[in-house]
N, C-alpha and C. Protein backbone atom coordinates (compact mmCIF):
# COMPACT_ATOMS: atom_id res chain seq x y z
N MET A 1 -139.07 21.02 33.30
CA MET A 1 -138.24 22.18 33.00
C MET A 1 -137.20 22.35 34.12
N ALA A 2 -135.98 22.57 33.70
CA ALA A 2 -134.89 22.72 34.66
C ALA A 2 -135.00 24.06 35.39
N LYS A 3 -134.63 24.04 36.63
CA LYS A 3 -134.66 25.26 37.45
C LYS A 3 -133.52 26.18 37.02
N LYS A 4 -133.81 27.45 36.87
CA LYS A 4 -132.80 28.44 36.51
C LYS A 4 -131.88 28.67 37.69
N VAL A 5 -130.61 28.82 37.39
CA VAL A 5 -129.63 29.15 38.41
C VAL A 5 -129.14 30.56 38.11
N TYR A 6 -129.38 31.47 39.03
CA TYR A 6 -128.94 32.85 38.87
C TYR A 6 -127.58 32.99 39.55
N LEU A 7 -126.61 33.38 38.75
CA LEU A 7 -125.24 33.48 39.24
C LEU A 7 -125.00 34.79 39.98
N THR A 8 -124.12 34.71 40.92
CA THR A 8 -123.68 35.91 41.64
C THR A 8 -122.35 36.36 41.06
N LYS A 9 -121.96 37.56 41.39
CA LYS A 9 -120.65 38.08 40.98
C LYS A 9 -119.55 37.14 41.45
N GLU A 10 -119.63 36.69 42.69
CA GLU A 10 -118.62 35.80 43.27
C GLU A 10 -118.55 34.48 42.52
N ALA A 11 -119.71 33.95 42.15
CA ALA A 11 -119.75 32.68 41.42
C ALA A 11 -119.10 32.82 40.05
N ILE A 12 -119.39 33.92 39.37
CA ILE A 12 -118.81 34.14 38.05
C ILE A 12 -117.31 34.34 38.14
N LEU A 13 -116.87 35.22 39.05
CA LEU A 13 -115.44 35.51 39.18
C LEU A 13 -114.67 34.30 39.70
N GLY A 14 -115.32 33.42 40.43
CA GLY A 14 -114.66 32.24 40.97
C GLY A 14 -114.71 31.02 40.08
N ALA A 15 -115.43 31.12 38.97
CA ALA A 15 -115.57 29.97 38.07
C ALA A 15 -114.27 29.70 37.32
N ASN A 16 -113.91 28.45 37.22
CA ASN A 16 -112.77 28.03 36.41
C ASN A 16 -113.30 27.78 35.01
N ASP A 17 -113.30 28.82 34.17
CA ASP A 17 -113.99 28.76 32.89
C ASP A 17 -113.08 28.76 31.66
N VAL A 18 -111.79 28.69 31.86
CA VAL A 18 -110.86 28.65 30.73
C VAL A 18 -110.53 27.18 30.46
N GLU A 19 -111.05 26.69 29.34
CA GLU A 19 -110.90 25.28 29.01
C GLU A 19 -109.49 24.96 28.52
N VAL A 20 -109.03 23.77 28.89
CA VAL A 20 -107.73 23.26 28.43
C VAL A 20 -107.99 21.92 27.74
N ARG A 21 -107.32 21.73 26.61
CA ARG A 21 -107.49 20.49 25.86
C ARG A 21 -106.13 19.96 25.44
N GLU A 22 -105.96 18.66 25.51
CA GLU A 22 -104.73 18.03 25.03
C GLU A 22 -104.83 17.84 23.52
N VAL A 23 -103.74 18.18 22.83
CA VAL A 23 -103.69 18.07 21.37
C VAL A 23 -102.49 17.21 20.99
N GLU A 24 -102.75 16.16 20.27
CA GLU A 24 -101.68 15.29 19.76
C GLU A 24 -100.99 16.02 18.61
N VAL A 25 -99.67 16.19 18.73
CA VAL A 25 -98.90 16.86 17.68
C VAL A 25 -97.79 15.90 17.24
N PRO A 26 -98.10 15.02 16.28
CA PRO A 26 -97.12 14.01 15.87
C PRO A 26 -95.83 14.61 15.33
N GLU A 27 -95.91 15.79 14.74
CA GLU A 27 -94.71 16.44 14.20
C GLU A 27 -93.72 16.75 15.31
N TRP A 28 -94.22 16.94 16.52
CA TRP A 28 -93.37 17.25 17.66
C TRP A 28 -93.17 16.05 18.57
N GLY A 29 -93.83 14.95 18.25
CA GLY A 29 -93.61 13.72 18.99
C GLY A 29 -94.34 13.59 20.31
N GLY A 30 -95.49 14.25 20.45
CA GLY A 30 -96.20 14.13 21.71
C GLY A 30 -97.47 14.96 21.78
N VAL A 31 -97.85 15.29 22.99
CA VAL A 31 -99.10 16.00 23.27
C VAL A 31 -98.79 17.39 23.82
N VAL A 32 -99.55 18.37 23.38
CA VAL A 32 -99.44 19.73 23.88
C VAL A 32 -100.76 20.10 24.55
N CYS A 33 -100.70 20.68 25.71
CA CYS A 33 -101.89 21.22 26.37
C CYS A 33 -102.15 22.60 25.78
N VAL A 34 -103.39 22.82 25.36
CA VAL A 34 -103.77 24.09 24.75
C VAL A 34 -104.95 24.63 25.54
N ARG A 35 -104.85 25.91 25.93
CA ARG A 35 -105.95 26.52 26.67
C ARG A 35 -106.49 27.71 25.90
N GLY A 36 -107.73 28.03 26.18
CA GLY A 36 -108.33 29.20 25.57
C GLY A 36 -107.79 30.47 26.19
N LEU A 37 -107.94 31.56 25.47
CA LEU A 37 -107.51 32.86 25.96
C LEU A 37 -108.51 33.41 26.96
N THR A 38 -108.02 34.18 27.92
CA THR A 38 -108.90 34.96 28.78
C THR A 38 -109.35 36.18 27.98
N GLY A 39 -110.29 36.91 28.50
CA GLY A 39 -110.74 38.13 27.82
C GLY A 39 -109.60 39.11 27.59
N ARG A 40 -108.78 39.32 28.61
CA ARG A 40 -107.66 40.26 28.50
C ARG A 40 -106.61 39.77 27.50
N GLU A 41 -106.32 38.48 27.53
CA GLU A 41 -105.34 37.93 26.59
C GLU A 41 -105.83 38.05 25.15
N ARG A 42 -107.12 37.80 24.95
CA ARG A 42 -107.66 37.92 23.60
C ARG A 42 -107.55 39.36 23.11
N GLN A 43 -107.87 40.32 23.99
CA GLN A 43 -107.75 41.73 23.62
C GLN A 43 -106.31 42.06 23.25
N LYS A 44 -105.37 41.60 24.07
CA LYS A 44 -103.95 41.86 23.81
C LYS A 44 -103.52 41.22 22.49
N TYR A 45 -104.00 40.00 22.24
CA TYR A 45 -103.67 39.31 20.99
C TYR A 45 -104.20 40.11 19.80
N GLU A 46 -105.46 40.51 19.85
CA GLU A 46 -106.04 41.27 18.75
C GLU A 46 -105.30 42.59 18.54
N GLU A 47 -104.95 43.25 19.62
CA GLU A 47 -104.20 44.51 19.51
C GLU A 47 -102.84 44.28 18.87
N SER A 48 -102.23 43.13 19.13
CA SER A 48 -100.91 42.84 18.57
C SER A 48 -100.96 42.64 17.06
N LEU A 49 -102.15 42.40 16.53
CA LEU A 49 -102.30 42.19 15.09
C LEU A 49 -102.64 43.46 14.33
N GLN A 50 -102.91 44.54 15.06
CA GLN A 50 -103.29 45.77 14.41
C GLN A 50 -102.06 46.52 13.93
N GLY A 51 -101.97 46.62 12.62
CA GLY A 51 -100.84 47.32 12.02
C GLY A 51 -101.17 48.77 11.74
N LYS A 52 -100.34 49.36 10.95
CA LYS A 52 -100.52 50.77 10.61
C LYS A 52 -101.53 50.92 9.49
N LYS A 53 -102.15 52.06 9.45
CA LYS A 53 -103.09 52.43 8.38
C LYS A 53 -104.26 51.46 8.26
N GLY A 54 -104.71 50.91 9.37
CA GLY A 54 -105.90 50.08 9.37
C GLY A 54 -105.73 48.67 8.83
N GLN A 55 -104.51 48.28 8.59
CA GLN A 55 -104.27 46.95 8.07
C GLN A 55 -103.90 46.00 9.20
N ILE A 56 -104.23 44.74 9.00
CA ILE A 56 -103.87 43.72 9.97
C ILE A 56 -102.44 43.29 9.69
N ASN A 57 -101.65 43.23 10.73
CA ASN A 57 -100.28 42.75 10.63
C ASN A 57 -100.29 41.26 10.97
N THR A 58 -100.25 40.42 9.95
CA THR A 58 -100.34 38.98 10.17
C THR A 58 -99.00 38.34 10.49
N ARG A 59 -97.94 39.14 10.53
CA ARG A 59 -96.63 38.58 10.83
C ARG A 59 -96.64 37.96 12.22
N TYR A 60 -96.34 36.70 12.28
CA TYR A 60 -96.29 35.93 13.52
C TYR A 60 -97.66 35.76 14.20
N ALA A 61 -98.76 36.00 13.48
CA ALA A 61 -100.08 35.87 14.09
C ALA A 61 -100.30 34.46 14.63
N LEU A 62 -99.95 33.47 13.85
CA LEU A 62 -100.11 32.08 14.25
C LEU A 62 -99.22 31.75 15.45
N GLU A 63 -97.99 32.17 15.38
CA GLU A 63 -97.03 31.90 16.44
C GLU A 63 -97.41 32.59 17.75
N LYS A 64 -97.94 33.82 17.64
CA LYS A 64 -98.37 34.55 18.84
C LYS A 64 -99.49 33.79 19.54
N LEU A 65 -100.43 33.27 18.75
CA LEU A 65 -101.55 32.53 19.33
C LEU A 65 -101.06 31.25 20.00
N VAL A 66 -100.18 30.54 19.33
CA VAL A 66 -99.63 29.31 19.92
C VAL A 66 -98.87 29.64 21.20
N ALA A 67 -98.08 30.70 21.19
CA ALA A 67 -97.31 31.08 22.38
C ALA A 67 -98.23 31.42 23.56
N LEU A 68 -99.35 32.05 23.27
CA LEU A 68 -100.28 32.41 24.34
C LEU A 68 -101.05 31.22 24.89
N CYS A 69 -101.29 30.22 24.06
CA CYS A 69 -102.21 29.14 24.43
C CYS A 69 -101.57 27.80 24.75
N ALA A 70 -100.33 27.57 24.36
CA ALA A 70 -99.66 26.30 24.68
C ALA A 70 -99.17 26.39 26.12
N VAL A 71 -99.63 25.45 26.95
CA VAL A 71 -99.31 25.49 28.38
C VAL A 71 -98.80 24.13 28.86
N ASP A 72 -98.13 24.15 30.02
CA ASP A 72 -97.70 22.89 30.62
C ASP A 72 -98.87 22.30 31.42
N LYS A 73 -98.62 21.18 32.05
CA LYS A 73 -99.71 20.48 32.77
C LYS A 73 -100.25 21.29 33.94
N ASP A 74 -99.50 22.31 34.39
CA ASP A 74 -99.96 23.17 35.48
C ASP A 74 -100.61 24.46 34.99
N GLY A 75 -100.71 24.62 33.67
CA GLY A 75 -101.35 25.80 33.10
C GLY A 75 -100.42 26.96 32.83
N ASN A 76 -99.12 26.78 32.98
CA ASN A 76 -98.15 27.85 32.71
C ASN A 76 -97.76 27.86 31.24
N ARG A 77 -97.63 29.04 30.67
CA ARG A 77 -97.25 29.15 29.26
C ARG A 77 -95.93 28.43 29.00
N LEU A 78 -95.88 27.71 27.88
CA LEU A 78 -94.64 27.05 27.46
C LEU A 78 -93.70 28.04 26.79
N PHE A 79 -94.26 29.03 26.11
CA PHE A 79 -93.46 29.96 25.30
C PHE A 79 -93.69 31.40 25.75
N SER A 80 -92.61 32.10 26.00
CA SER A 80 -92.72 33.53 26.30
C SER A 80 -92.73 34.30 24.98
N ASP A 81 -93.07 35.57 25.07
CA ASP A 81 -93.14 36.39 23.86
C ASP A 81 -91.82 36.49 23.12
N ASP A 82 -90.72 36.33 23.83
CA ASP A 82 -89.42 36.51 23.18
C ASP A 82 -88.99 35.31 22.33
N VAL A 83 -89.77 34.25 22.28
CA VAL A 83 -89.43 33.11 21.42
C VAL A 83 -90.42 32.94 20.27
N ILE A 84 -91.27 33.94 20.05
CA ILE A 84 -92.26 33.85 18.97
C ILE A 84 -91.59 33.70 17.62
N ALA A 85 -90.52 34.43 17.37
CA ALA A 85 -89.81 34.30 16.09
C ALA A 85 -89.25 32.90 15.92
N ALA A 86 -88.76 32.29 17.00
CA ALA A 86 -88.24 30.92 16.93
C ALA A 86 -89.36 29.93 16.59
N LEU A 87 -90.56 30.18 17.11
CA LEU A 87 -91.69 29.30 16.78
C LEU A 87 -92.00 29.33 15.29
N SER A 88 -91.72 30.44 14.64
CA SER A 88 -92.02 30.55 13.20
C SER A 88 -91.18 29.59 12.37
N LYS A 89 -90.16 29.01 12.95
CA LYS A 89 -89.30 28.06 12.23
C LYS A 89 -89.78 26.62 12.41
N LYS A 90 -90.86 26.44 13.17
CA LYS A 90 -91.42 25.10 13.39
C LYS A 90 -92.41 24.77 12.28
N SER A 91 -92.78 23.52 12.21
CA SER A 91 -93.70 23.03 11.18
C SER A 91 -95.00 23.83 11.16
N ALA A 92 -95.35 24.33 9.99
CA ALA A 92 -96.61 25.06 9.84
C ALA A 92 -97.79 24.14 10.15
N LYS A 93 -97.68 22.89 9.77
CA LYS A 93 -98.76 21.94 10.03
C LYS A 93 -98.97 21.76 11.53
N ALA A 94 -97.88 21.65 12.27
CA ALA A 94 -97.98 21.50 13.73
C ALA A 94 -98.54 22.78 14.36
N LEU A 95 -98.04 23.92 13.93
CA LEU A 95 -98.53 25.19 14.45
C LEU A 95 -100.02 25.35 14.17
N MET A 96 -100.45 24.97 12.98
CA MET A 96 -101.86 25.07 12.62
C MET A 96 -102.71 24.14 13.47
N ARG A 97 -102.20 22.96 13.76
CA ARG A 97 -102.92 21.99 14.59
C ARG A 97 -103.20 22.58 15.98
N VAL A 98 -102.18 23.18 16.57
CA VAL A 98 -102.32 23.79 17.90
C VAL A 98 -103.19 25.04 17.82
N ALA A 99 -102.95 25.87 16.82
CA ALA A 99 -103.70 27.12 16.68
C ALA A 99 -105.19 26.87 16.42
N ALA A 100 -105.52 25.81 15.71
CA ALA A 100 -106.92 25.50 15.43
C ALA A 100 -107.68 25.26 16.74
N VAL A 101 -107.07 24.53 17.66
CA VAL A 101 -107.70 24.27 18.95
C VAL A 101 -107.74 25.55 19.78
N ALA A 102 -106.65 26.30 19.77
CA ALA A 102 -106.61 27.56 20.52
C ALA A 102 -107.69 28.51 20.02
N THR A 103 -107.88 28.57 18.72
CA THR A 103 -108.91 29.42 18.12
C THR A 103 -110.29 29.01 18.60
N GLU A 104 -110.55 27.71 18.56
CA GLU A 104 -111.85 27.20 19.00
C GLU A 104 -112.10 27.49 20.49
N LEU A 105 -111.11 27.19 21.33
CA LEU A 105 -111.27 27.39 22.77
C LEU A 105 -111.39 28.86 23.15
N SER A 106 -110.85 29.73 22.31
CA SER A 106 -110.87 31.17 22.59
C SER A 106 -112.05 31.88 21.95
N GLY A 107 -112.84 31.14 21.19
CA GLY A 107 -113.99 31.75 20.53
C GLY A 107 -113.63 32.68 19.40
N LEU A 108 -112.45 32.52 18.85
CA LEU A 108 -112.04 33.35 17.71
C LEU A 108 -112.58 32.74 16.43
N THR A 109 -113.31 33.52 15.67
CA THR A 109 -113.84 33.05 14.39
C THR A 109 -113.34 33.97 13.28
N LYS A 110 -113.54 33.53 12.07
CA LYS A 110 -113.18 34.35 10.91
C LYS A 110 -113.95 35.67 10.97
N GLU A 111 -115.21 35.59 11.38
CA GLU A 111 -116.04 36.79 11.49
C GLU A 111 -115.49 37.76 12.54
N ASP A 112 -114.97 37.20 13.65
CA ASP A 112 -114.37 38.04 14.68
C ASP A 112 -113.18 38.82 14.13
N MET A 113 -112.37 38.12 13.36
CA MET A 113 -111.17 38.77 12.81
C MET A 113 -111.57 39.85 11.81
N GLU A 114 -112.59 39.56 10.97
CA GLU A 114 -113.05 40.57 10.02
C GLU A 114 -113.63 41.78 10.74
N GLU A 115 -114.39 41.54 11.81
CA GLU A 115 -114.96 42.63 12.59
C GLU A 115 -113.86 43.46 13.25
N MET A 116 -112.83 42.80 13.71
CA MET A 116 -111.72 43.51 14.33
C MET A 116 -111.09 44.47 13.33
N VAL A 117 -110.92 44.02 12.08
CA VAL A 117 -110.36 44.87 11.03
C VAL A 117 -111.28 46.06 10.79
N GLU A 118 -112.59 45.81 10.69
CA GLU A 118 -113.55 46.89 10.45
C GLU A 118 -113.53 47.90 11.59
N ASN A 119 -113.54 47.41 12.83
CA ASN A 119 -113.52 48.30 13.99
C ASN A 119 -112.25 49.13 14.04
N PHE A 120 -111.14 48.52 13.68
CA PHE A 120 -109.88 49.24 13.69
C PHE A 120 -109.91 50.34 12.61
N ASP A 121 -110.45 50.01 11.44
CA ASP A 121 -110.58 50.99 10.37
C ASP A 121 -111.44 52.16 10.81
N GLU A 122 -112.57 51.86 11.50
CA GLU A 122 -113.47 52.91 11.97
C GLU A 122 -112.79 53.79 13.01
N THR A 123 -112.00 53.19 13.88
CA THR A 123 -111.29 53.95 14.91
C THR A 123 -110.32 54.94 14.27
N LEU A 124 -109.65 54.50 13.21
CA LEU A 124 -108.71 55.38 12.52
C LEU A 124 -109.43 56.53 11.84
N SER A 125 -110.57 56.25 11.21
CA SER A 125 -111.28 57.31 10.50
C SER A 125 -111.97 58.27 11.45
N ASP A 126 -112.33 57.80 12.66
CA ASP A 126 -112.95 58.68 13.65
C ASP A 126 -111.95 59.61 14.29
N GLY A 127 -110.67 59.21 14.33
CA GLY A 127 -109.63 59.96 15.04
C GLY A 127 -109.22 61.14 14.28
């Protein structure tokens, strides 16, 4: 039986735990580095999808995720928020390829998205 390792606050906060993966995107002619979202980035992303009256605003949802997760070799974002609309003019197949990896690395599942909608609906009805 393997010995348990009990982590300290310092060990957890110092861990490099955001995974980066290279994704071949033939539509764009090369490789894109894709990283998972941090907890704060995921929260901000989910908040950006919350529309009025408890509905999810899916406009640019794919592009927002790609913009947050596509990074250069040093881990810096390739796309700022102000070019999200321009990303929407790129190949949907290429965007989906990158977003699929970003979704996996960020732990975003279909169930997470459905729960987010339910929680948002509950927040509106409680207010």
